[in-house]
Amino acid sequence: MILEVVVGGVYRHFKGTLHKVICLARHSETEEELVIYTHGTDIWARPISSFTSLVDLKKYPNASQKYRFELVDNGNES
């Protein structure tokens, strides 16, 4: 199952860092959907299936969240 990714949303990586989603994109050769997001001052891309994947608790048994990236702010000012 692929979760919805909110453009402009701020996500917490399971290791604790915060990242803002800039946009969604499509790979020009494979047409794979990508999430384009900030990582510090850099811009990174990750397949949407990886961005929304479950944390591997066998590899990271002390992880405190279920998904690799979890939405903490949807970016909408109300």
PDB file of N, CA and C in Angstrom:
ATOM      1  N   MET A   1       0.842  -1.182   0.000  1.00  0.00           N
ATOM      2  CA  MET A   1       0.000   0.000   0.000  1.00  0.00           C
ATOM      3  C   MET A   1       0.885   1.242   0.000  1.00  0.00           C
ATOM      4  N   ILE A   2       0.610   2.165  -0.898  1.00  0.00           N
ATOM      5  CA  ILE A   2       1.359   3.423  -0.948  1.00  0.00           C
ATOM      6  C   ILE A   2       0.493   4.513  -0.335  1.00  0.00           C
ATOM      7  N   LEU A   3       1.020   5.174   0.680  1.00  0.00           N
ATOM      8  CA  LEU A   3       0.318   6.266   1.331  1.00  0.00           C
ATOM      9  C   LEU A   3       0.362   7.504   0.450  1.00  0.00           C
ATOM     10  N   GLU A   4      -0.584   8.405   0.655  1.00  0.00           N
ATOM     11  CA  GLU A   4      -0.575   9.681  -0.064  1.00  0.00           C
ATOM     12  C   GLU A   4       0.579  10.534   0.462  1.00  0.00           C
ATOM     13  N   VAL A   5       1.296  11.186  -0.435  1.00  0.00           N
ATOM     14  CA  VAL A   5       2.369  12.100  -0.053  1.00  0.00           C
ATOM     15  C   VAL A   5       1.871  13.517  -0.295  1.00  0.00           C
ATOM     16  N   VAL A   6       1.992  14.373   0.714  1.00  0.00           N
ATOM     17  CA  VAL A   6       1.503  15.748   0.652  1.00  0.00           C
ATOM     18  C   VAL A   6       2.621  16.682   0.195  1.00  0.00           C
ATOM     19  N   VAL A   7       2.449  17.288  -0.984  1.00  0.00           N
ATOM     20  CA  VAL A   7       3.422  18.279  -1.474  1.00  0.00           C
ATOM     21  C   VAL A   7       3.342  19.490  -0.550  1.00  0.00           C
ATOM     22  N   GLY A   8       4.497  19.951  -0.078  1.00  0.00           N
ATOM     23  CA  GLY A   8       4.563  21.055   0.884  1.00  0.00           C
ATOM     24  C   GLY A   8       4.541  20.577   2.323  1.00  0.00           C
ATOM     25  N   GLY A   9       4.270  19.291   2.509  1.00  0.00           N
ATOM     26  CA  GLY A   9       4.229  18.729   3.855  1.00  0.00           C
ATOM     27  C   GLY A   9       5.613  18.534   4.437  1.00  0.00           C
ATOM     28  N   VAL A  10       5.680  18.575   5.765  1.00  0.00           N
ATOM     29  CA  VAL A  10       6.924  18.308   6.479  1.00  0.00           C
ATOM     30  C   VAL A  10       6.815  16.911   7.075  1.00  0.00           C
ATOM     31  N   TYR A  11       7.822  16.106   6.828  1.00  0.00           N
ATOM     32  CA  TYR A  11       7.841  14.717   7.271  1.00  0.00           C
ATOM     33  C   TYR A  11       9.017  14.474   8.196  1.00  0.00           C
ATOM     34  N   ARG A  12       8.795  13.610   9.183  1.00  0.00           N
ATOM     35  CA  ARG A  12       9.879  13.178  10.064  1.00  0.00           C
ATOM     36  C   ARG A  12      10.369  11.822   9.562  1.00  0.00           C
ATOM     37  N   HIS A  13      11.669  11.737   9.303  1.00  0.00           N
ATOM     38  CA  HIS A  13      12.300  10.453   8.983  1.00  0.00           C
ATOM     39  C   HIS A  13      12.379   9.650  10.270  1.00  0.00           C
ATOM     40  N   PHE A  14      12.340   8.343  10.177  1.00  0.00           N
ATOM     41  CA  PHE A  14      12.318   7.527  11.385  1.00  0.00           C
ATOM     42  C   PHE A  14      13.568   7.695  12.247  1.00  0.00           C
ATOM     43  N   LYS A  15      14.628   8.274  11.697  1.00  0.00           N
ATOM     44  CA  LYS A  15      15.829   8.551  12.500  1.00  0.00           C
ATOM     45  C   LYS A  15      15.775   9.938  13.135  1.00  0.00           C
ATOM     46  N   GLY A  16      14.660  10.688  12.887  1.00  0.00           N
ATOM     47  CA  GLY A  16      14.433  11.941  13.599  1.00  0.00           C
ATOM     48  C   GLY A  16      14.571  13.228  12.821  1.00  0.00           C
ATOM     49  N   THR A  17      15.154  13.197  11.625  1.00  0.00           N
ATOM     50  CA  THR A  17      15.344  14.429  10.861  1.00  0.00           C
ATOM     51  C   THR A  17      14.037  14.845  10.182  1.00  0.00           C
ATOM     52  N   LEU A  18      13.892  16.168   9.934  1.00  0.00           N
ATOM     53  CA  LEU A  18      12.698  16.703   9.278  1.00  0.00           C
ATOM     54  C   LEU A  18      13.006  17.046   7.825  1.00  0.00           C
ATOM     55  N   HIS A  19      12.027  16.813   6.952  1.00  0.00           N
ATOM     56  CA  HIS A  19      12.199  17.012   5.517  1.00  0.00           C
ATOM     57  C   HIS A  19      10.922  17.579   4.929  1.00  0.00           C
ATOM     58  N   LYS A  20      11.044  18.541   4.011  1.00  0.00           N
ATOM     59  CA  LYS A  20       9.879  19.120   3.346  1.00  0.00           C
ATOM     60  C   LYS A  20       9.787  18.575   1.927  1.00  0.00           C
ATOM     61  N   VAL A  21       8.600  18.101   1.571  1.00  0.00           N
ATOM     62  CA  VAL A  21       8.372  17.600   0.215  1.00  0.00           C
ATOM     63  C   VAL A  21       8.178  18.793  -0.716  1.00  0.00           C
ATOM     64  N   ILE A  22       8.997  18.857  -1.763  1.00  0.00           N
ATOM     65  CA  ILE A  22       8.949  19.946  -2.735  1.00  0.00           C
ATOM     66  C   ILE A  22       7.936  19.640  -3.836  1.00  0.00           C
ATOM     67  N   CYS A  23       8.004  18.427  -4.363  1.00  0.00           N
ATOM     68  CA  CYS A  23       7.090  18.032  -5.430  1.00  0.00           C
ATOM     69  C   CYS A  23       7.192  16.532  -5.649  1.00  0.00           C
ATOM     70  N   LEU A  24       6.309  16.027  -6.502  1.00  0.00           N
ATOM     71  CA  LEU A  24       6.385  14.648  -6.967  1.00  0.00           C
ATOM     72  C   LEU A  24       6.861  14.699  -8.407  1.00  0.00           C
ATOM     73  N   ALA A  25       7.588  13.683  -8.833  1.00  0.00           N
ATOM     74  CA  ALA A  25       8.124  13.655 -10.191  1.00  0.00           C
ATOM     75  C   ALA A  25       8.027  12.233 -10.728  1.00  0.00           C
ATOM     76  N   ARG A  26       8.323  12.100 -12.006  1.00  0.00           N
ATOM     77  CA  ARG A  26       8.313  10.790 -12.640  1.00  0.00           C
ATOM     78  C   ARG A  26       9.661  10.596 -13.331  1.00  0.00           C
ATOM     79  N   HIS A  27      10.275   9.443 -13.105  1.00  0.00           N
ATOM     80  CA  HIS A  27      11.553   9.126 -13.734  1.00  0.00           C
ATOM     81  C   HIS A  27      11.356   9.070 -15.247  1.00  0.00           C
ATOM     82  N   SER A  28      12.249   9.706 -15.997  1.00  0.00           N
ATOM     83  CA  SER A  28      12.080   9.852 -17.450  1.00  0.00           C
ATOM     84  C   SER A  28      12.191   8.530 -18.217  1.00  0.00           C
ATOM     85  N   GLU A  29      12.889   7.560 -17.675  1.00  0.00           N
ATOM     86  CA  GLU A  29      13.059   6.292 -18.396  1.00  0.00           C
ATOM     87  C   GLU A  29      12.160   5.188 -17.854  1.00  0.00           C
ATOM     88  N   THR A  30      12.016   5.111 -16.539  1.00  0.00           N
ATOM     89  CA  THR A  30      11.240   4.018 -15.948  1.00  0.00           C
ATOM     90  C   THR A  30       9.806   4.423 -15.607  1.00  0.00           C
ATOM     91  N   GLU A  31       9.533   5.730 -15.593  1.00  0.00           N
ATOM     92  CA  GLU A  31       8.256   6.302 -15.184  1.00  0.00           C
ATOM     93  C   GLU A  31       7.911   6.013 -13.722  1.00  0.00           C
ATOM     94  N   GLU A  32       8.914   5.634 -12.946  1.00  0.00           N
ATOM     95  CA  GLU A  32       8.697   5.417 -11.517  1.00  0.00           C
ATOM     96  C   GLU A  32       8.389   6.750 -10.842  1.00  0.00           C
ATOM     97  N   GLU A  33       7.407   6.757  -9.936  1.00  0.00           N
ATOM     98  CA  GLU A  33       7.072   7.981  -9.210  1.00  0.00           C
ATOM     99  C   GLU A  33       8.129   8.254  -8.148  1.00  0.00           C
ATOM    100  N   LEU A  34       8.558   9.518  -8.054  1.00  0.00           N
ATOM    101  CA  LEU A  34       9.590   9.940  -7.118  1.00  0.00           C
ATOM    102  C   LEU A  34       9.070  11.057  -6.234  1.00  0.00           C
ATOM    103  N   VAL A  35       9.571  11.087  -5.007  1.00  0.00           N
ATOM    104  CA  VAL A  35       9.309  12.196  -4.087  1.00  0.00           C
ATOM    105  C   VAL A  35      10.567  13.050  -4.082  1.00  0.00           C
ATOM    106  N   ILE A  36      10.424  14.344  -4.325  1.00  0.00           N
ATOM    107  CA  ILE A  36      11.541  15.289  -4.304  1.00  0.00           C
ATOM    108  C   ILE A  36      11.406  16.069  -3.001  1.00  0.00           C
ATOM    109  N   TYR A  37      12.456  16.032  -2.166  1.00  0.00           N
ATOM    110  CA  TYR A  37      12.357  16.611  -0.830  1.00  0.00           C
ATOM    111  C   TYR A  37      13.688  17.190  -0.367  1.00  0.00           C
ATOM    112  N   THR A  38      13.598  18.047   0.657  1.00  0.00           N
ATOM    113  CA  THR A  38      14.811  18.628   1.225  1.00  0.00           C
ATOM    114  C   THR A  38      15.451  17.650   2.197  1.00  0.00           C
ATOM    115  N   HIS A  39      16.761  17.716   2.240  1.00  0.00           N
ATOM    116  CA  HIS A  39      17.557  16.976   3.226  1.00  0.00           C
ATOM    117  C   HIS A  39      18.646  17.953   3.657  1.00  0.00           C
ATOM    118  N   GLY A  40      18.368  18.689   4.735  1.00  0.00           N
ATOM    119  CA  GLY A  40      19.258  19.792   5.110  1.00  0.00           C
ATOM    120  C   GLY A  40      19.169  20.857   4.032  1.00  0.00           C
ATOM    121  N   THR A  41      20.309  21.232   3.464  1.00  0.00           N
ATOM    122  CA  THR A  41      20.311  22.229   2.385  1.00  0.00           C
ATOM    123  C   THR A  41      20.321  21.578   1.005  1.00  0.00           C
ATOM    124  N   ASP A  42      20.287  20.248   0.966  1.00  0.00           N
ATOM    125  CA  ASP A  42      20.311  19.513  -0.300  1.00  0.00           C
ATOM    126  C   ASP A  42      18.900  19.125  -0.738  1.00  0.00           C
ATOM    127  N   ILE A  43      18.766  18.816  -2.014  1.00  0.00           N
ATOM    128  CA  ILE A  43      17.516  18.310  -2.583  1.00  0.00           C
ATOM    129  C   ILE A  43      17.744  16.843  -2.939  1.00  0.00           C
ATOM    130  N   TRP A  44      16.857  15.979  -2.458  1.00  0.00           N
ATOM    131  CA  TRP A  44      16.981  14.542  -2.695  1.00  0.00           C
ATOM    132  C   TRP A  44      15.747  14.021  -3.403  1.00  0.00           C
ATOM    133  N   ALA A  45      15.900  12.877  -4.043  1.00  0.00           N
ATOM    134  CA  ALA A  45      14.792  12.177  -4.686  1.00  0.00           C
ATOM    135  C   ALA A  45      14.784  10.738  -4.182  1.00  0.00           C
ATOM    136  N   ARG A  46      13.589  10.225  -3.958  1.00  0.00           N
ATOM    137  CA  ARG A  46      13.440   8.850  -3.487  1.00  0.00           C
ATOM    138  C   ARG A  46      12.166   8.284  -4.124  1.00  0.00           C
ATOM    139  N   PRO A  47      12.191   7.020  -4.532  1.00  0.00           N
ATOM    140  CA  PRO A  47      10.960   6.423  -5.047  1.00  0.00           C
ATOM    141  C   PRO A  47       9.843   6.524  -4.005  1.00  0.00           C
ATOM    142  N   ILE A  48       8.632   6.818  -4.466  1.00  0.00           N
ATOM    143  CA  ILE A  48       7.513   6.982  -3.547  1.00  0.00           C
ATOM    144  C   ILE A  48       7.280   5.704  -2.738  1.00  0.00           C
ATOM    145  N   SER A  49       7.545   4.555  -3.340  1.00  0.00           N
ATOM    146  CA  SER A  49       7.364   3.286  -2.621  1.00  0.00           C
ATOM    147  C   SER A  49       8.331   3.173  -1.445  1.00  0.00           C
ATOM    148  N   SER A  50       9.519   3.732  -1.572  1.00  0.00           N
ATOM    149  CA  SER A  50      10.490   3.739  -0.480  1.00  0.00           C
ATOM    150  C   SER A  50      10.131   4.798   0.557  1.00  0.00           C
ATOM    151  N   PHE A  51       9.717   5.981   0.084  1.00  0.00           N
ATOM    152  CA  PHE A  51       9.367   7.086   0.978  1.00  0.00           C
ATOM    153  C   PHE A  51       8.236   6.673   1.921  1.00  0.00           C
ATOM    154  N   THR A  52       7.281   5.906   1.416  1.00  0.00           N
ATOM    155  CA  THR A  52       6.114   5.514   2.208  1.00  0.00           C
ATOM    156  C   THR A  52       6.237   4.118   2.809  1.00  0.00           C
ATOM    157  N   SER A  53       7.411   3.514   2.730  1.00  0.00           N
ATOM    158  CA  SER A  53       7.566   2.140   3.202  1.00  0.00           C
ATOM    159  C   SER A  53       7.605   2.043   4.726  1.00  0.00           C
ATOM    160  N   LEU A  54       7.343   0.839   5.208  1.00  0.00           N
ATOM    161  CA  LEU A  54       7.447   0.550   6.636  1.00  0.00           C
ATOM    162  C   LEU A  54       8.919   0.520   7.043  1.00  0.00           C
ATOM    163  N   VAL A  55       9.190   0.889   8.278  1.00  0.00           N
ATOM    164  CA  VAL A  55      10.550   0.783   8.822  1.00  0.00           C
ATOM    165  C   VAL A  55      10.851  -0.701   9.024  1.00  0.00           C
ATOM    166  N   ASP A  56      12.031  -1.113   8.645  1.00  0.00           N
ATOM    167  CA  ASP A  56      12.465  -2.494   8.854  1.00  0.00           C
ATOM    168  C   ASP A  56      12.868  -2.653  10.326  1.00  0.00           C
ATOM    169  N   LEU A  57      11.951  -3.193  11.131  1.00  0.00           N
ATOM    170  CA  LEU A  57      12.203  -3.294  12.572  1.00  0.00           C
ATOM    171  C   LEU A  57      13.227  -4.368  12.926  1.00  0.00           C
ATOM    172  N   LYS A  58      13.511  -5.257  12.000  1.00  0.00           N
ATOM    173  CA  LYS A  58      14.592  -6.223  12.244  1.00  0.00           C
ATOM    174  C   LYS A  58      15.939  -5.513  12.176  1.00  0.00           C
ATOM    175  N   LYS A  59      16.049  -4.581  11.234  1.00  0.00           N
ATOM    176  CA  LYS A  59      17.291  -3.817  11.059  1.00  0.00           C
ATOM    177  C   LYS A  59      17.375  -2.665  12.063  1.00  0.00           C
ATOM    178  N   TYR A  60      16.222  -2.058  12.382  1.00  0.00           N
ATOM    179  CA  TYR A  60      16.163  -0.901  13.294  1.00  0.00           C
ATOM    180  C   TYR A  60      15.150  -1.197  14.410  1.00  0.00           C
ATOM    181  N   PRO A  61      15.489  -2.085  15.346  1.00  0.00           N
ATOM    182  CA  PRO A  61      14.521  -2.510  16.376  1.00  0.00           C
ATOM    183  C   PRO A  61      14.097  -1.391  17.331  1.00  0.00           C
ATOM    184  N   ASN A  62      14.855  -0.326  17.412  1.00  0.00           N
ATOM    185  CA  ASN A  62      14.521   0.764  18.331  1.00  0.00           C
ATOM    186  C   ASN A  62      13.762   1.906  17.647  1.00  0.00           C
ATOM    187  N   ALA A  63      13.375   1.718  16.406  1.00  0.00           N
ATOM    188  CA  ALA A  63      12.632   2.759  15.688  1.00  0.00           C
ATOM    189  C   ALA A  63      11.305   3.011  16.395  1.00  0.00           C
ATOM    190  N   SER A  64      10.940   4.278  16.515  1.00  0.00           N
ATOM    191  CA  SER A  64       9.727   4.635  17.252  1.00  0.00           C
ATOM    192  C   SER A  64       8.545   4.965  16.346  1.00  0.00           C
ATOM    193  N   GLN A  65       8.722   4.874  15.022  1.00  0.00           N
ATOM    194  CA  GLN A  65       7.587   5.120  14.145  1.00  0.00           C
ATOM    195  C   GLN A  65       7.433   3.975  13.168  1.00  0.00           C
ATOM    196  N   LYS A  66       6.229   3.862  12.630  1.00  0.00           N
ATOM    197  CA  LYS A  66       5.869   2.736  11.766  1.00  0.00           C
ATOM    198  C   LYS A  66       6.428   2.884  10.352  1.00  0.00           C
ATOM    199  N   TYR A  67       6.340   4.100   9.799  1.00  0.00           N
ATOM    200  CA  TYR A  67       6.751   4.339   8.415  1.00  0.00           C
ATOM    201  C   TYR A  67       8.079   5.087   8.352  1.00  0.00           C
ATOM    202  N   ARG A  68       8.802   4.903   7.241  1.00  0.00           N
ATOM    203  CA  ARG A  68      10.102   5.561   7.041  1.00  0.00           C
ATOM    204  C   ARG A  68       9.964   7.080   7.194  1.00  0.00           C
ATOM    205  N   PHE A  69       8.944   7.674   6.564  1.00  0.00           N
ATOM    206  CA  PHE A  69       8.657   9.101   6.691  1.00  0.00           C
ATOM    207  C   PHE A  69       7.205   9.239   7.151  1.00  0.00           C
ATOM    208  N   GLU A  70       6.978  10.062   8.169  1.00  0.00           N
ATOM    209  CA  GLU A  70       5.628  10.305   8.662  1.00  0.00           C
ATOM    210  C   GLU A  70       5.347  11.800   8.672  1.00  0.00           C
ATOM    211  N   LEU A  71       4.161  12.156   8.199  1.00  0.00           N
ATOM    212  CA  LEU A  71       3.742  13.547   8.097  1.00  0.00           C
ATOM    213  C   LEU A  71       3.585  14.165   9.482  1.00  0.00           C
ATOM    214  N   VAL A  72       4.237  15.320   9.691  1.00  0.00           N
ATOM    215  CA  VAL A  72       4.101  16.044  10.969  1.00  0.00           C
ATOM    216  C   VAL A  72       3.443  17.402  10.776  1.00  0.00           C
ATOM    217  N   ASP A  73       3.439  17.927   9.541  1.00  0.00           N
ATOM    218  CA  ASP A  73       2.804  19.211   9.233  1.00  0.00           C
ATOM    219  C   ASP A  73       2.411  19.176   7.762  1.00  0.00           C
ATOM    220  N   ASN A  74       1.124  19.368   7.475  1.00  0.00           N
ATOM    221  CA  ASN A  74       0.681  19.259   6.082  1.00  0.00           C
ATOM    222  C   ASN A  74       0.987  20.505   5.252  1.00  0.00           C
ATOM    223  N   GLY A  75       1.583  21.533   5.848  1.00  0.00           N
ATOM    224  CA  GLY A  75       1.991  22.722   5.104  1.00  0.00           C
ATOM    225  C   GLY A  75       0.881  23.704   4.836  1.00  0.00           C
ATOM    226  N   ASN A  76      -0.336  23.409   5.295  1.00  0.00           N
ATOM    227  CA  ASN A  76      -1.463  24.344   5.115  1.00  0.00           C
ATOM    228  C   ASN A  76      -1.562  25.257   6.301  1.00  0.00           C
ATOM    229  N   GLU A  77      -1.509  26.555   6.036  1.00  0.00           N
ATOM    230  CA  GLU A  77      -1.690  27.541   7.117  1.00  0.00           C
ATOM    231  C   GLU A  77      -3.167  27.813   7.248  1.00  0.00           C
ATOM    232  N   SER A  78      -3.714  27.649   8.451  1.00  0.00           N
ATOM    233  CA  SER A  78      -5.143  27.913   8.660  1.00  0.00           C
ATOM    234  C   SER A  78      -5.352  29.046   9.594  1.00  0.00           C
TER     235      SER A  78
END
